[in-house]
């Protein structure tokens, strides 16, 4: 299943910063019209390089599904950022 939400915490190191929740479900709904324009381009490009377009689309969906559970933390002396995808 593709990720449906994420959370970002940004702030100074050692101090509680602010947390921003990101509903990916709304983002997916907004991207559907763009997807309708991209799909024919993907099929033509796959036909030009002799790749099965269904396997290519399946690979992209697999990558998106693998993002679920990602935890990224970036910090230096003054600033920290935490990204969770669930």
N, C-alpha and C. Protein backbone atom coordinates (compact mmCIF):
# COMPACT_ATOMS: atom_id res chain seq x y z
N UNK A 1 0.84 -1.17 0.00
CA UNK A 1 0.00 0.00 0.00
C UNK A 1 0.89 1.24 0.00
N UNK A 2 0.51 2.25 -0.77
CA UNK A 2 1.30 3.47 -0.84
C UNK A 2 1.12 4.27 0.44
N UNK A 3 2.11 5.08 0.81
CA UNK A 3 2.00 5.88 2.04
C UNK A 3 0.82 6.87 1.95
N UNK A 4 0.14 7.07 3.07
CA UNK A 4 -1.00 7.97 3.09
C UNK A 4 -0.76 9.22 3.94
N UNK A 5 0.30 9.24 4.75
CA UNK A 5 0.56 10.40 5.59
C UNK A 5 2.04 10.44 5.95
N UNK A 6 2.47 11.61 6.37
CA UNK A 6 3.84 11.78 6.81
C UNK A 6 3.88 12.87 7.86
N UNK A 7 4.99 12.98 8.55
CA UNK A 7 5.16 14.01 9.56
C UNK A 7 6.59 14.53 9.47
N UNK A 8 6.71 15.83 9.60
CA UNK A 8 8.02 16.48 9.58
C UNK A 8 8.16 17.27 10.86
N UNK A 9 9.28 17.10 11.57
CA UNK A 9 9.58 17.90 12.74
C UNK A 9 10.83 18.70 12.46
N UNK A 10 10.75 20.01 12.59
CA UNK A 10 11.86 20.88 12.30
C UNK A 10 12.11 21.75 13.52
N UNK A 11 13.37 21.93 13.88
CA UNK A 11 13.70 22.80 15.01
C UNK A 11 15.18 22.82 15.28
N UNK A 12 15.53 23.56 16.30
CA UNK A 12 16.93 23.63 16.71
C UNK A 12 17.30 22.37 17.47
N UNK A 13 18.56 21.98 17.39
CA UNK A 13 19.02 20.78 18.06
C UNK A 13 18.87 20.95 19.57
N UNK A 14 18.27 19.95 20.22
CA UNK A 14 18.08 19.98 21.66
C UNK A 14 16.83 20.72 22.10
N UNK A 15 16.12 21.34 21.19
CA UNK A 15 14.89 22.07 21.51
C UNK A 15 13.76 21.46 20.69
N UNK A 16 12.60 21.30 21.32
CA UNK A 16 11.45 20.77 20.58
C UNK A 16 11.01 21.80 19.55
N UNK A 17 11.02 21.41 18.31
CA UNK A 17 10.58 22.29 17.23
C UNK A 17 9.10 22.11 16.97
N UNK A 18 8.68 22.46 15.79
CA UNK A 18 7.27 22.27 15.44
C UNK A 18 7.13 21.06 14.54
N UNK A 19 5.96 20.43 14.61
CA UNK A 19 5.66 19.24 13.83
C UNK A 19 4.60 19.58 12.81
N UNK A 20 4.80 19.13 11.59
CA UNK A 20 3.86 19.37 10.50
C UNK A 20 3.43 18.03 9.93
N UNK A 21 2.14 17.74 9.99
CA UNK A 21 1.61 16.51 9.41
C UNK A 21 1.26 16.75 7.95
N UNK A 22 1.59 15.79 7.10
CA UNK A 22 1.36 15.91 5.66
C UNK A 22 0.45 14.76 5.23
N UNK A 23 -0.80 15.07 4.82
CA UNK A 23 -1.68 14.00 4.32
C UNK A 23 -1.39 13.70 2.85
N UNK A 24 -0.68 12.63 2.59
CA UNK A 24 -0.32 12.26 1.22
C UNK A 24 -1.54 11.87 0.40
N UNK A 25 -2.61 11.45 1.05
CA UNK A 25 -3.82 11.06 0.33
C UNK A 25 -4.35 12.23 -0.50
N UNK A 26 -4.32 13.42 0.06
CA UNK A 26 -4.75 14.62 -0.67
C UNK A 26 -3.79 14.86 -1.85
N UNK A 27 -2.52 14.65 -1.62
CA UNK A 27 -1.52 14.83 -2.68
C UNK A 27 -1.76 13.84 -3.82
N UNK A 28 -2.06 12.58 -3.49
CA UNK A 28 -2.33 11.58 -4.54
C UNK A 28 -3.55 11.98 -5.35
N UNK A 29 -4.60 12.49 -4.67
CA UNK A 29 -5.81 12.90 -5.39
C UNK A 29 -5.52 14.06 -6.33
N UNK A 30 -4.69 15.00 -5.90
CA UNK A 30 -4.34 16.13 -6.75
C UNK A 30 -3.46 15.73 -7.93
N UNK A 31 -2.69 14.65 -7.80
CA UNK A 31 -1.80 14.21 -8.86
C UNK A 31 -2.46 13.32 -9.91
N UNK A 32 -3.69 12.88 -9.68
CA UNK A 32 -4.37 12.00 -10.63
C UNK A 32 -4.51 12.64 -12.01
N UNK A 33 -4.91 13.92 -12.14
CA UNK A 33 -4.98 14.51 -13.49
C UNK A 33 -3.61 14.56 -14.18
N UNK A 34 -2.56 14.83 -13.41
CA UNK A 34 -1.22 14.83 -13.98
C UNK A 34 -0.81 13.43 -14.42
N UNK A 35 -1.24 12.43 -13.68
CA UNK A 35 -0.94 11.05 -14.03
C UNK A 35 -1.57 10.67 -15.36
N UNK A 36 -2.76 11.20 -15.64
CA UNK A 36 -3.42 10.92 -16.92
C UNK A 36 -2.61 11.46 -18.09
N UNK A 37 -1.85 12.52 -17.87
CA UNK A 37 -1.00 13.06 -18.93
C UNK A 37 0.33 12.32 -19.05
N UNK A 38 0.81 11.77 -17.95
CA UNK A 38 2.13 11.11 -17.93
C UNK A 38 2.07 9.68 -18.47
N UNK A 39 0.97 8.98 -18.26
CA UNK A 39 0.87 7.57 -18.65
C UNK A 39 1.14 7.35 -20.14
N UNK A 40 0.56 8.13 -21.08
CA UNK A 40 0.87 7.90 -22.49
C UNK A 40 2.35 8.14 -22.82
N UNK A 41 2.96 9.10 -22.15
CA UNK A 41 4.39 9.37 -22.37
C UNK A 41 5.23 8.18 -21.90
N UNK A 42 4.86 7.60 -20.77
CA UNK A 42 5.59 6.44 -20.25
C UNK A 42 5.46 5.26 -21.21
N UNK A 43 4.28 5.03 -21.75
CA UNK A 43 4.08 3.91 -22.68
C UNK A 43 4.87 4.10 -23.97
N UNK A 44 4.92 5.32 -24.49
CA UNK A 44 5.69 5.59 -25.71
C UNK A 44 7.19 5.44 -25.43
N UNK A 45 7.64 5.97 -24.31
CA UNK A 45 9.07 5.86 -23.97
C UNK A 45 9.46 4.40 -23.75
N UNK A 46 8.60 3.63 -23.10
CA UNK A 46 8.89 2.21 -22.88
C UNK A 46 8.93 1.45 -24.20
N UNK A 47 8.06 1.80 -25.13
CA UNK A 47 8.06 1.14 -26.44
C UNK A 47 9.33 1.48 -27.22
N UNK A 48 9.84 2.70 -27.05
CA UNK A 48 11.06 3.11 -27.77
C UNK A 48 12.30 2.37 -27.28
N UNK A 49 12.35 2.07 -25.99
CA UNK A 49 13.53 1.40 -25.45
C UNK A 49 13.29 -0.09 -25.22
N UNK A 50 12.18 -0.60 -25.75
CA UNK A 50 11.84 -2.02 -25.69
C UNK A 50 11.76 -2.56 -24.26
N UNK A 51 11.04 -1.82 -23.40
CA UNK A 51 10.79 -2.24 -22.02
C UNK A 51 9.29 -2.46 -21.88
N UNK A 52 8.91 -3.49 -21.15
CA UNK A 52 7.50 -3.74 -20.90
C UNK A 52 6.96 -2.61 -20.03
N UNK A 53 6.02 -1.79 -20.54
CA UNK A 53 5.54 -0.65 -19.76
C UNK A 53 4.80 -1.05 -18.48
N UNK A 54 4.16 -2.21 -18.46
CA UNK A 54 3.46 -2.65 -17.27
C UNK A 54 4.44 -3.01 -16.16
N UNK A 55 5.58 -3.60 -16.52
CA UNK A 55 6.60 -3.90 -15.52
C UNK A 55 7.24 -2.60 -15.00
N UNK A 56 7.41 -1.62 -15.88
CA UNK A 56 7.98 -0.33 -15.47
C UNK A 56 7.06 0.39 -14.49
N UNK A 57 5.77 0.41 -14.78
CA UNK A 57 4.80 1.04 -13.87
C UNK A 57 4.73 0.26 -12.56
N UNK A 58 4.78 -1.06 -12.64
CA UNK A 58 4.80 -1.89 -11.44
C UNK A 58 6.01 -1.62 -10.56
N UNK A 59 7.15 -1.37 -11.19
CA UNK A 59 8.36 -1.06 -10.43
C UNK A 59 8.22 0.28 -9.70
N UNK A 60 7.62 1.26 -10.35
CA UNK A 60 7.42 2.57 -9.70
C UNK A 60 6.45 2.43 -8.53
N UNK A 61 5.38 1.67 -8.71
CA UNK A 61 4.43 1.45 -7.62
C UNK A 61 5.11 0.70 -6.47
N UNK A 62 5.98 -0.24 -6.79
CA UNK A 62 6.72 -0.96 -5.76
C UNK A 62 7.64 -0.04 -4.97
N UNK A 63 8.27 0.91 -5.65
CA UNK A 63 9.14 1.87 -4.96
C UNK A 63 8.31 2.75 -4.03
N UNK A 64 7.15 3.23 -4.51
CA UNK A 64 6.28 4.05 -3.67
C UNK A 64 5.79 3.27 -2.46
N UNK A 65 5.46 2.00 -2.65
CA UNK A 65 4.99 1.18 -1.53
C UNK A 65 6.10 0.93 -0.52
N UNK A 66 7.34 0.87 -0.97
CA UNK A 66 8.46 0.62 -0.07
C UNK A 66 8.80 1.85 0.78
N UNK A 67 8.28 3.01 0.43
CA UNK A 67 8.54 4.21 1.23
C UNK A 67 7.86 4.18 2.59
N UNK A 68 6.82 3.37 2.72
CA UNK A 68 6.08 3.32 3.97
C UNK A 68 7.01 2.82 5.09
N UNK A 69 7.03 3.54 6.19
CA UNK A 69 7.89 3.19 7.31
C UNK A 69 9.25 3.85 7.27
N UNK A 70 9.47 4.76 6.32
CA UNK A 70 10.75 5.45 6.21
C UNK A 70 10.90 6.45 7.34
N UNK A 71 12.08 6.47 7.92
CA UNK A 71 12.42 7.37 9.02
C UNK A 71 13.76 8.01 8.69
N UNK A 72 13.76 9.32 8.44
CA UNK A 72 14.98 10.04 8.08
C UNK A 72 15.21 11.14 9.10
N UNK A 73 16.41 11.20 9.65
CA UNK A 73 16.75 12.25 10.60
C UNK A 73 18.05 12.92 10.15
N UNK A 74 18.00 14.23 10.01
CA UNK A 74 19.17 15.01 9.61
C UNK A 74 19.43 16.03 10.70
N UNK A 75 20.66 16.11 11.18
CA UNK A 75 20.97 17.05 12.26
C UNK A 75 22.41 17.54 12.13
N UNK A 76 22.60 18.77 12.53
CA UNK A 76 23.95 19.31 12.69
C UNK A 76 23.98 20.04 14.03
N UNK A 77 24.94 20.89 14.26
CA UNK A 77 25.08 21.55 15.56
C UNK A 77 23.92 22.47 15.89
N UNK A 78 23.31 23.10 14.90
CA UNK A 78 22.30 24.12 15.16
C UNK A 78 20.88 23.72 14.78
N UNK A 79 20.70 22.74 13.91
CA UNK A 79 19.40 22.50 13.31
C UNK A 79 19.17 21.00 13.16
N UNK A 80 17.92 20.59 13.32
CA UNK A 80 17.59 19.17 13.10
C UNK A 80 16.26 19.06 12.37
N UNK A 81 16.13 17.99 11.59
CA UNK A 81 14.90 17.71 10.87
C UNK A 81 14.64 16.21 10.91
N UNK A 82 13.40 15.85 11.17
CA UNK A 82 13.00 14.45 11.25
C UNK A 82 11.82 14.24 10.30
N UNK A 83 11.89 13.21 9.45
CA UNK A 83 10.83 12.91 8.50
C UNK A 83 10.38 11.47 8.72
N UNK A 84 9.09 11.29 8.99
CA UNK A 84 8.49 9.96 9.11
C UNK A 84 7.42 9.81 8.06
N UNK A 85 7.42 8.68 7.37
CA UNK A 85 6.38 8.39 6.38
C UNK A 85 5.65 7.15 6.83
N UNK A 86 4.32 7.27 6.98
CA UNK A 86 3.52 6.12 7.43
C UNK A 86 2.24 6.06 6.67
